PDB file of all heavy atoms in Angstrom:
ATOM      1  N   ILE A   1    -142.676-132.644-180.830  1.00  0.00           N
ATOM      2  CA  ILE A   1    -142.882-133.757-181.746  1.00  0.00           C
ATOM      3  C   ILE A   1    -141.530-134.295-182.239  1.00  0.00           C
ATOM      4  O   ILE A   1    -140.679-133.528-182.678  1.00  0.00           O
ATOM      5  CB  ILE A   1    -143.737-133.335-182.960  1.00  0.00           C
ATOM      6  CG1 ILE A   1    -145.096-132.787-182.490  1.00  0.00           C
ATOM      7  CG2 ILE A   1    -143.918-134.510-183.913  1.00  0.00           C
ATOM      8  CD1 ILE A   1    -145.957-133.823-181.808  1.00  0.00           C
ATOM      9  N   LEU A   2    -141.360-135.615-182.168  1.00  0.00           N
ATOM     10  CA  LEU A   2    -140.176-136.268-182.704  1.00  0.00           C
ATOM     11  C   LEU A   2    -140.612-137.256-183.780  1.00  0.00           C
ATOM     12  O   LEU A   2    -141.445-138.117-183.524  1.00  0.00           O
ATOM     13  CB  LEU A   2    -139.407-137.028-181.616  1.00  0.00           C
ATOM     14  CG  LEU A   2    -138.801-136.218-180.468  1.00  0.00           C
ATOM     15  CD1 LEU A   2    -139.766-136.177-179.294  1.00  0.00           C
ATOM     16  CD2 LEU A   2    -137.482-136.832-180.022  1.00  0.00           C
ATOM     17  N   GLU A   3    -140.063-137.118-184.976  1.00  0.00           N
ATOM     18  CA  GLU A   3    -140.324-138.070-186.052  1.00  0.00           C
ATOM     19  C   GLU A   3    -139.169-139.073-186.075  1.00  0.00           C
ATOM     20  O   GLU A   3    -138.030-138.716-186.375  1.00  0.00           O
ATOM     21  CB  GLU A   3    -140.448-137.365-187.390  1.00  0.00           C
ATOM     22  CG  GLU A   3    -140.801-138.305-188.534  1.00  0.00           C
ATOM     23  CD  GLU A   3    -141.078-137.579-189.825  1.00  0.00           C
ATOM     24  OE1 GLU A   3    -142.141-136.918-189.925  1.00  0.00           O
ATOM     25  OE2 GLU A   3    -140.216-137.648-190.728  1.00  0.00           O
ATOM     26  N   LEU A   4    -139.480-140.325-185.764  1.00  0.00           N
ATOM     27  CA  LEU A   4    -138.441-141.335-185.583  1.00  0.00           C
ATOM     28  C   LEU A   4    -138.675-142.522-186.510  1.00  0.00           C
ATOM     29  O   LEU A   4    -139.810-142.950-186.709  1.00  0.00           O
ATOM     30  CB  LEU A   4    -138.420-141.822-184.125  1.00  0.00           C
ATOM     31  CG  LEU A   4    -138.236-140.746-183.044  1.00  0.00           C
ATOM     32  CD1 LEU A   4    -138.297-141.367-181.663  1.00  0.00           C
ATOM     33  CD2 LEU A   4    -136.923-139.999-183.250  1.00  0.00           C
ATOM     34  N   ASP A   5    -137.582-143.034-187.059  1.00  0.00           N
ATOM     35  CA  ASP A   5    -137.633-144.264-187.838  1.00  0.00           C
ATOM     36  C   ASP A   5    -137.610-145.452-186.877  1.00  0.00           C
ATOM     37  O   ASP A   5    -136.790-145.498-185.955  1.00  0.00           O
ATOM     38  CB  ASP A   5    -136.447-144.350-188.801  1.00  0.00           C
ATOM     39  CG  ASP A   5    -136.509-143.288-189.886  1.00  0.00           C
ATOM     40  OD1 ASP A   5    -137.632-142.946-190.297  1.00  0.00           O
ATOM     41  OD2 ASP A   5    -135.449-142.806-190.301  1.00  0.00           O
ATOM     42  N   CYS A   6    -138.504-146.382-187.097  1.00  0.00           N
ATOM     43  CA  CYS A   6    -138.639-147.546-186.220  1.00  0.00           C
ATOM     44  C   CYS A   6    -138.102-148.779-186.940  1.00  0.00           C
ATOM     45  O   CYS A   6    -138.626-149.172-187.991  1.00  0.00           O
ATOM     46  CB  CYS A   6    -140.101-147.752-185.830  1.00  0.00           C
ATOM     47  SG  CYS A   6    -140.400-149.233-184.861  1.00  0.00           S
ATOM     48  N   GLU A   7    -137.049-149.376-186.394  1.00  0.00           N
ATOM     49  CA  GLU A   7    -136.492-150.617-186.922  1.00  0.00           C
ATOM     50  C   GLU A   7    -136.795-151.747-185.939  1.00  0.00           C
ATOM     51  O   GLU A   7    -136.730-151.549-184.720  1.00  0.00           O
ATOM     52  CB  GLU A   7    -134.980-150.505-187.126  1.00  0.00           C
ATOM     53  CG  GLU A   7    -134.565-149.523-188.205  1.00  0.00           C
ATOM     54  CD  GLU A   7    -134.924-149.997-189.598  1.00  0.00           C
ATOM     55  OE1 GLU A   7    -135.157-151.212-189.771  1.00  0.00           O
ATOM     56  OE2 GLU A   7    -134.966-149.165-190.522  1.00  0.00           O
ATOM     57  N   ILE A   8    -137.092-152.926-186.454  1.00  0.00           N
ATOM     58  CA  ILE A   8    -137.475-154.058-185.606  1.00  0.00           C
ATOM     59  C   ILE A   8    -136.578-155.248-185.928  1.00  0.00           C
ATOM     60  O   ILE A   8    -136.516-155.712-187.074  1.00  0.00           O
ATOM     61  CB  ILE A   8    -138.951-154.436-185.823  1.00  0.00           C
ATOM     62  CG1 ILE A   8    -139.843-153.255-185.441  1.00  0.00           C
ATOM     63  CG2 ILE A   8    -139.325-155.671-185.020  1.00  0.00           C
ATOM     64  CD1 ILE A   8    -141.299-153.468-185.745  1.00  0.00           C
ATOM     65  N   LEU A   9    -135.880-155.729-184.898  1.00  0.00           N
ATOM     66  CA  LEU A   9    -135.062-156.933-185.020  1.00  0.00           C
ATOM     67  C   LEU A   9    -135.774-158.052-184.274  1.00  0.00           C
ATOM     68  O   LEU A   9    -136.162-157.887-183.116  1.00  0.00           O
ATOM     69  CB  LEU A   9    -133.670-156.697-184.425  1.00  0.00           C
ATOM     70  CG  LEU A   9    -132.888-155.482-184.966  1.00  0.00           C
ATOM     71  CD1 LEU A   9    -131.533-155.389-184.276  1.00  0.00           C
ATOM     72  CD2 LEU A   9    -132.722-155.577-186.473  1.00  0.00           C
ATOM     73  N   VAL A  10    -135.957-159.183-184.937  1.00  0.00           N
ATOM     74  CA  VAL A  10    -136.713-160.293-184.374  1.00  0.00           C
ATOM     75  C   VAL A  10    -135.764-161.415-183.995  1.00  0.00           C
ATOM     76  O   VAL A  10    -134.839-161.736-184.749  1.00  0.00           O
ATOM     77  CB  VAL A  10    -137.758-160.809-185.387  1.00  0.00           C
ATOM     78  CG1 VAL A  10    -138.584-161.936-184.787  1.00  0.00           C
ATOM     79  CG2 VAL A  10    -138.664-159.668-185.838  1.00  0.00           C
ATOM     80  N   ASN A  11    -135.981-162.033-182.812  1.00  0.00           N
ATOM     81  CA  ASN A  11    -135.123-163.135-182.402  1.00  0.00           C
ATOM     82  C   ASN A  11    -135.443-164.396-183.202  1.00  0.00           C
ATOM     83  O   ASN A  11    -136.395-164.447-183.976  1.00  0.00           O
ATOM     84  CB  ASN A  11    -135.245-163.384-180.892  1.00  0.00           C
ATOM     85  CG  ASN A  11    -136.549-164.073-180.521  1.00  0.00           C
ATOM     86  OD1 ASN A  11    -137.543-163.969-181.217  1.00  0.00           O
ATOM     87  ND2 ASN A  11    -136.544-164.758-179.391  1.00  0.00           N
ATOM     88  N   SER A  12    -134.633-165.428-183.009  1.00  0.00           N
ATOM     89  CA  SER A  12    -134.754-166.626-183.842  1.00  0.00           C
ATOM     90  C   SER A  12    -136.088-167.333-183.674  1.00  0.00           C
ATOM     91  O   SER A  12    -136.557-168.020-184.588  1.00  0.00           O
ATOM     92  CB  SER A  12    -133.613-167.602-183.526  1.00  0.00           C
ATOM     93  OG  SER A  12    -133.626-167.955-182.141  1.00  0.00           O
ATOM     94  N   ASP A  13    -136.728-167.191-182.506  1.00  0.00           N
ATOM     95  CA  ASP A  13    -138.026-167.822-182.270  1.00  0.00           C
ATOM     96  C   ASP A  13    -139.188-166.960-182.736  1.00  0.00           C
ATOM     97  O   ASP A  13    -140.350-167.368-182.643  1.00  0.00           O
ATOM     98  CB  ASP A  13    -138.199-168.137-180.786  1.00  0.00           C
ATOM     99  CG  ASP A  13    -137.207-169.184-180.301  1.00  0.00           C
ATOM    100  OD1 ASP A  13    -136.831-170.043-181.131  1.00  0.00           O
ATOM    101  OD2 ASP A  13    -136.810-169.141-179.140  1.00  0.00           O
ATOM    102  N   HIS A  14    -138.886-165.730-183.185  1.00  0.00           N
ATOM    103  CA  HIS A  14    -139.902-164.800-183.704  1.00  0.00           C
ATOM    104  C   HIS A  14    -140.936-164.395-182.643  1.00  0.00           C
ATOM    105  O   HIS A  14    -142.019-163.940-182.984  1.00  0.00           O
ATOM    106  CB  HIS A  14    -140.629-165.391-184.919  1.00  0.00           C
ATOM    107  CG  HIS A  14    -139.715-165.633-186.078  1.00  0.00           C
ATOM    108  ND1 HIS A  14    -139.354-164.644-186.952  1.00  0.00           N
ATOM    109  CD2 HIS A  14    -139.072-166.755-186.481  1.00  0.00           C
ATOM    110  CE1 HIS A  14    -138.525-165.148-187.871  1.00  0.00           C
ATOM    111  NE2 HIS A  14    -138.339-166.412-187.599  1.00  0.00           N
ATOM    112  N   ASN A  15    -140.610-164.550-181.355  1.00  0.00           N
ATOM    113  CA  ASN A  15    -141.578-164.147-180.335  1.00  0.00           C
ATOM    114  C   ASN A  15    -141.109-162.947-179.523  1.00  0.00           C
ATOM    115  O   ASN A  15    -141.831-162.472-178.653  1.00  0.00           O
ATOM    116  CB  ASN A  15    -141.901-165.324-179.407  1.00  0.00           C
ATOM    117  CG  ASN A  15    -140.665-165.859-178.695  1.00  0.00           C
ATOM    118  OD1 ASN A  15    -139.558-165.372-178.918  1.00  0.00           O
ATOM    119  ND2 ASN A  15    -140.855-166.854-177.856  1.00  0.00           N
ATOM    120  N   GLN A  16    -139.895-162.477-179.784  1.00  0.00           N
ATOM    121  CA  GLN A  16    -139.399-161.264-179.143  1.00  0.00           C
ATOM    122  C   GLN A  16    -138.839-160.327-180.193  1.00  0.00           C
ATOM    123  O   GLN A  16    -138.258-160.768-181.185  1.00  0.00           O
ATOM    124  CB  GLN A  16    -138.315-161.588-178.104  1.00  0.00           C
ATOM    125  CG  GLN A  16    -138.832-162.304-176.879  1.00  0.00           C
ATOM    126  CD  GLN A  16    -137.745-162.530-175.845  1.00  0.00           C
ATOM    127  OE1 GLN A  16    -136.611-162.081-175.988  1.00  0.00           O
ATOM    128  NE2 GLN A  16    -138.097-163.237-174.776  1.00  0.00           N
ATOM    129  N   GLN A  17    -139.028-159.027-179.962  1.00  0.00           N
ATOM    130  CA  GLN A  17    -138.590-158.025-180.924  1.00  0.00           C
ATOM    131  C   GLN A  17    -137.791-156.948-180.216  1.00  0.00           C
ATOM    132  O   GLN A  17    -138.186-156.481-179.138  1.00  0.00           O
ATOM    133  CB  GLN A  17    -139.802-157.382-181.608  1.00  0.00           C
ATOM    134  CG  GLN A  17    -140.739-158.370-182.291  1.00  0.00           C
ATOM    135  CD  GLN A  17    -142.058-157.734-182.696  1.00  0.00           C
ATOM    136  OE1 GLN A  17    -142.396-156.639-182.268  1.00  0.00           O
ATOM    137  NE2 GLN A  17    -142.815-158.434-183.530  1.00  0.00           N
ATOM    138  N   LEU A  18    -136.669-156.571-180.792  1.00  0.00           N
ATOM    139  CA  LEU A  18    -135.919-155.409-180.331  1.00  0.00           C
ATOM    140  C   LEU A  18    -136.348-154.240-181.200  1.00  0.00           C
ATOM    141  O   LEU A  18    -136.082-154.214-182.403  1.00  0.00           O
ATOM    142  CB  LEU A  18    -134.416-155.647-180.448  1.00  0.00           C
ATOM    143  CG  LEU A  18    -133.514-154.478-180.066  1.00  0.00           C
ATOM    144  CD1 LEU A  18    -133.727-154.075-178.609  1.00  0.00           C
ATOM    145  CD2 LEU A  18    -132.050-154.813-180.318  1.00  0.00           C
ATOM    146  N   VAL A  19    -137.062-153.296-180.604  1.00  0.00           N
ATOM    147  CA  VAL A  19    -137.618-152.155-181.326  1.00  0.00           C
ATOM    148  C   VAL A  19    -136.718-150.950-181.077  1.00  0.00           C
ATOM    149  O   VAL A  19    -136.522-150.533-179.930  1.00  0.00           O
ATOM    150  CB  VAL A  19    -139.057-151.859-180.866  1.00  0.00           C
ATOM    151  CG1 VAL A  19    -139.643-150.691-181.655  1.00  0.00           C
ATOM    152  CG2 VAL A  19    -139.931-153.104-181.014  1.00  0.00           C
ATOM    153  N   ILE A  20    -136.179-150.386-182.145  1.00  0.00           N
ATOM    154  CA  ILE A  20    -135.216-149.287-182.058  1.00  0.00           C
ATOM    155  C   ILE A  20    -135.772-148.080-182.805  1.00  0.00           C
ATOM    156  O   ILE A  20    -136.193-148.192-183.958  1.00  0.00           O
ATOM    157  CB  ILE A  20    -133.863-149.687-182.672  1.00  0.00           C
ATOM    158  CG1 ILE A  20    -133.350-150.990-182.033  1.00  0.00           C
ATOM    159  CG2 ILE A  20    -132.838-148.567-182.503  1.00  0.00           C
ATOM    160  CD1 ILE A  20    -132.155-151.577-182.751  1.00  0.00           C
ATOM    161  N   HIS A  21    -135.768-146.926-182.150  1.00  0.00           N
ATOM    162  CA  HIS A  21    -136.235-145.690-182.781  1.00  0.00           C
ATOM    163  C   HIS A  21    -135.047-144.751-182.987  1.00  0.00           C
ATOM    164  O   HIS A  21    -134.325-144.441-182.030  1.00  0.00           O
ATOM    165  CB  HIS A  21    -137.293-145.002-181.914  1.00  0.00           C
ATOM    166  CG  HIS A  21    -138.580-145.760-181.836  1.00  0.00           C
ATOM    167  ND1 HIS A  21    -138.911-146.554-180.773  1.00  0.00           N
ATOM    168  CD2 HIS A  21    -139.624-145.843-182.712  1.00  0.00           C
ATOM    169  CE1 HIS A  21    -140.097-147.098-180.981  1.00  0.00           C
ATOM    170  NE2 HIS A  21    -140.552-146.684-182.139  1.00  0.00           N
ATOM    171  N   THR A  22    -134.843-144.318-184.204  1.00  0.00           N
ATOM    172  CA  THR A  22    -133.729-143.436-184.526  1.00  0.00           C
ATOM    173  C   THR A  22    -134.224-142.196-185.246  1.00  0.00           C
ATOM    174  O   THR A  22    -135.262-142.219-185.908  1.00  0.00           O
ATOM    175  CB  THR A  22    -132.694-144.154-185.425  1.00  0.00           C
ATOM    176  OG1 THR A  22    -133.336-144.563-186.639  1.00  0.00           O
ATOM    177  CG2 THR A  22    -132.119-145.373-184.723  1.00  0.00           C
ATOM    178  N   ALA A  23    -133.474-141.116-185.110  1.00  0.00           N
ATOM    179  CA  ALA A  23    -133.780-139.870-185.823  1.00  0.00           C
ATOM    180  C   ALA A  23    -132.706-139.630-186.875  1.00  0.00           C
ATOM    181  O   ALA A  23    -131.524-139.913-186.658  1.00  0.00           O
ATOM    182  CB  ALA A  23    -133.835-138.699-184.847  1.00  0.00           C
ATOM    183  N   ARG A  24    -133.113-139.116-188.008  1.00  0.00           N
ATOM    184  CA  ARG A  24    -132.165-138.870-189.079  1.00  0.00           C
ATOM    185  C   ARG A  24    -131.291-137.663-188.752  1.00  0.00           C
ATOM    186  O   ARG A  24    -131.803-136.588-188.418  1.00  0.00           O
ATOM    187  CB  ARG A  24    -132.914-138.640-190.395  1.00  0.00           C
ATOM    188  CG  ARG A  24    -133.749-139.844-190.818  1.00  0.00           C
ATOM    189  CD  ARG A  24    -134.603-139.570-192.031  1.00  0.00           C
ATOM    190  NE  ARG A  24    -135.515-140.691-192.269  1.00  0.00           N
ATOM    191  CZ  ARG A  24    -136.437-140.705-193.209  1.00  0.00           C
ATOM    192  NH1 ARG A  24    -136.576-139.651-194.017  1.00  0.00           N
ATOM    193  NH2 ARG A  24    -137.223-141.768-193.346  1.00  0.00           N
ATOM    194  N   PRO A  25    -129.958-137.818-188.843  1.00  0.00           N
ATOM    195  CA  PRO A  25    -129.047-136.703-188.531  1.00  0.00           C
ATOM    196  C   PRO A  25    -129.364-135.470-189.368  1.00  0.00           C
ATOM    197  O   PRO A  25    -129.716-135.568-190.548  1.00  0.00           O
ATOM    198  CB  PRO A  25    -127.664-137.277-188.869  1.00  0.00           C
ATOM    199  CG  PRO A  25    -127.826-138.762-188.720  1.00  0.00           C
ATOM    200  CD  PRO A  25    -129.232-139.052-189.175  1.00  0.00           C
ATOM    201  N   GLY A  26    -129.258-134.312-188.737  1.00  0.00           N
ATOM    202  CA  GLY A  26    -129.510-133.053-189.428  1.00  0.00           C
ATOM    203  C   GLY A  26    -130.938-132.578-189.361  1.00  0.00           C
ATOM    204  O   GLY A  26    -131.231-131.455-189.767  1.00  0.00           O
ATOM    205  N   THR A  27    -131.847-133.422-188.834  1.00  0.00           N
ATOM    206  CA  THR A  27    -133.254-133.028-188.739  1.00  0.00           C
ATOM    207  C   THR A  27    -133.546-132.419-187.367  1.00  0.00           C
ATOM    208  O   THR A  27    -132.777-132.565-186.406  1.00  0.00           O
ATOM    209  CB  THR A  27    -134.172-134.239-188.948  1.00  0.00           C
ATOM    210  OG1 THR A  27    -133.956-135.184-187.872  1.00  0.00           O
ATOM    211  CG2 THR A  27    -133.884-134.915-190.269  1.00  0.00           C
ATOM    212  N   GLU A  28    -134.680-131.734-187.300  1.00  0.00           N
ATOM    213  CA  GLU A  28    -135.098-131.160-186.021  1.00  0.00           C
ATOM    214  C   GLU A  28    -135.353-132.264-184.997  1.00  0.00           C
ATOM    215  O   GLU A  28    -135.055-132.094-183.809  1.00  0.00           O
ATOM    216  CB  GLU A  28    -136.358-130.320-186.222  1.00  0.00           C
ATOM    217  CG  GLU A  28    -136.785-129.552-184.976  1.00  0.00           C
ATOM    218  CD  GLU A  28    -137.970-128.638-185.233  1.00  0.00           C
ATOM    219  OE1 GLU A  28    -138.603-128.768-186.302  1.00  0.00           O
ATOM    220  OE2 GLU A  28    -138.258-127.799-184.363  1.00  0.00           O
ATOM    221  N   SER A  29    -135.869-133.393-185.449  1.00  0.00           N
ATOM    222  CA  SER A  29    -136.113-134.507-184.539  1.00  0.00           C
ATOM    223  C   SER A  29    -134.813-135.041-183.957  1.00  0.00           C
ATOM    224  O   SER A  29    -134.765-135.466-182.799  1.00  0.00           O
ATOM    225  CB  SER A  29    -136.859-135.632-185.260  1.00  0.00           C
ATOM    226  OG  SER A  29    -138.186-135.240-185.564  1.00  0.00           O
ATOM    227  N   TYR A  30    -133.733-135.021-184.751  1.00  0.00           N
ATOM    228  CA  TYR A  30    -132.438-135.463-184.250  1.00  0.00           C
ATOM    229  C   TYR A  30    -131.968-134.560-183.117  1.00  0.00           C
ATOM    230  O   TYR A  30    -131.480-135.045-182.083  1.00  0.00           O
ATOM    231  CB  TYR A  30    -131.417-135.453-185.387  1.00  0.00           C
ATOM    232  CG  TYR A  30    -130.053-135.971-184.983  1.00  0.00           C
ATOM    233  CD1 TYR A  30    -129.778-137.332-184.997  1.00  0.00           C
ATOM    234  CD2 TYR A  30    -129.053-135.093-184.594  1.00  0.00           C
ATOM    235  CE1 TYR A  30    -128.529-137.811-184.624  1.00  0.00           C
ATOM    236  CE2 TYR A  30    -127.802-135.552-184.221  1.00  0.00           C
ATOM    237  CZ  TYR A  30    -127.542-136.911-184.232  1.00  0.00           C
ATOM    238  OH  TYR A  30    -126.304-137.385-183.848  1.00  0.00           O
ATOM    239  N   GLU A  31    -132.133-133.248-183.291  1.00  0.00           N
ATOM    240  CA  GLU A  31    -131.744-132.311-182.235  1.00  0.00           C
ATOM    241  C   GLU A  31    -132.615-132.504-180.991  1.00  0.00           C
ATOM    242  O   GLU A  31    -132.129-132.438-179.861  1.00  0.00           O
ATOM    243  CB  GLU A  31    -131.867-130.874-182.751  1.00  0.00           C
ATOM    244  CG  GLU A  31    -130.964-130.546-183.926  1.00  0.00           C
ATOM    245  CD  GLU A  31    -129.487-130.720-183.585  1.00  0.00           C
ATOM    246  OE1 GLU A  31    -129.121-130.427-182.429  1.00  0.00           O
ATOM    247  OE2 GLU A  31    -128.717-131.128-184.475  1.00  0.00           O
TER     248      GLU A  31
END
């Protein structure tokens, strides 16, 4: 199991999204 933070960047037309999943440093999910 990985617990990831999901950040979403939207382009200027709001029809495409860059979805980024990150793990917090020091957590088991990061390892």
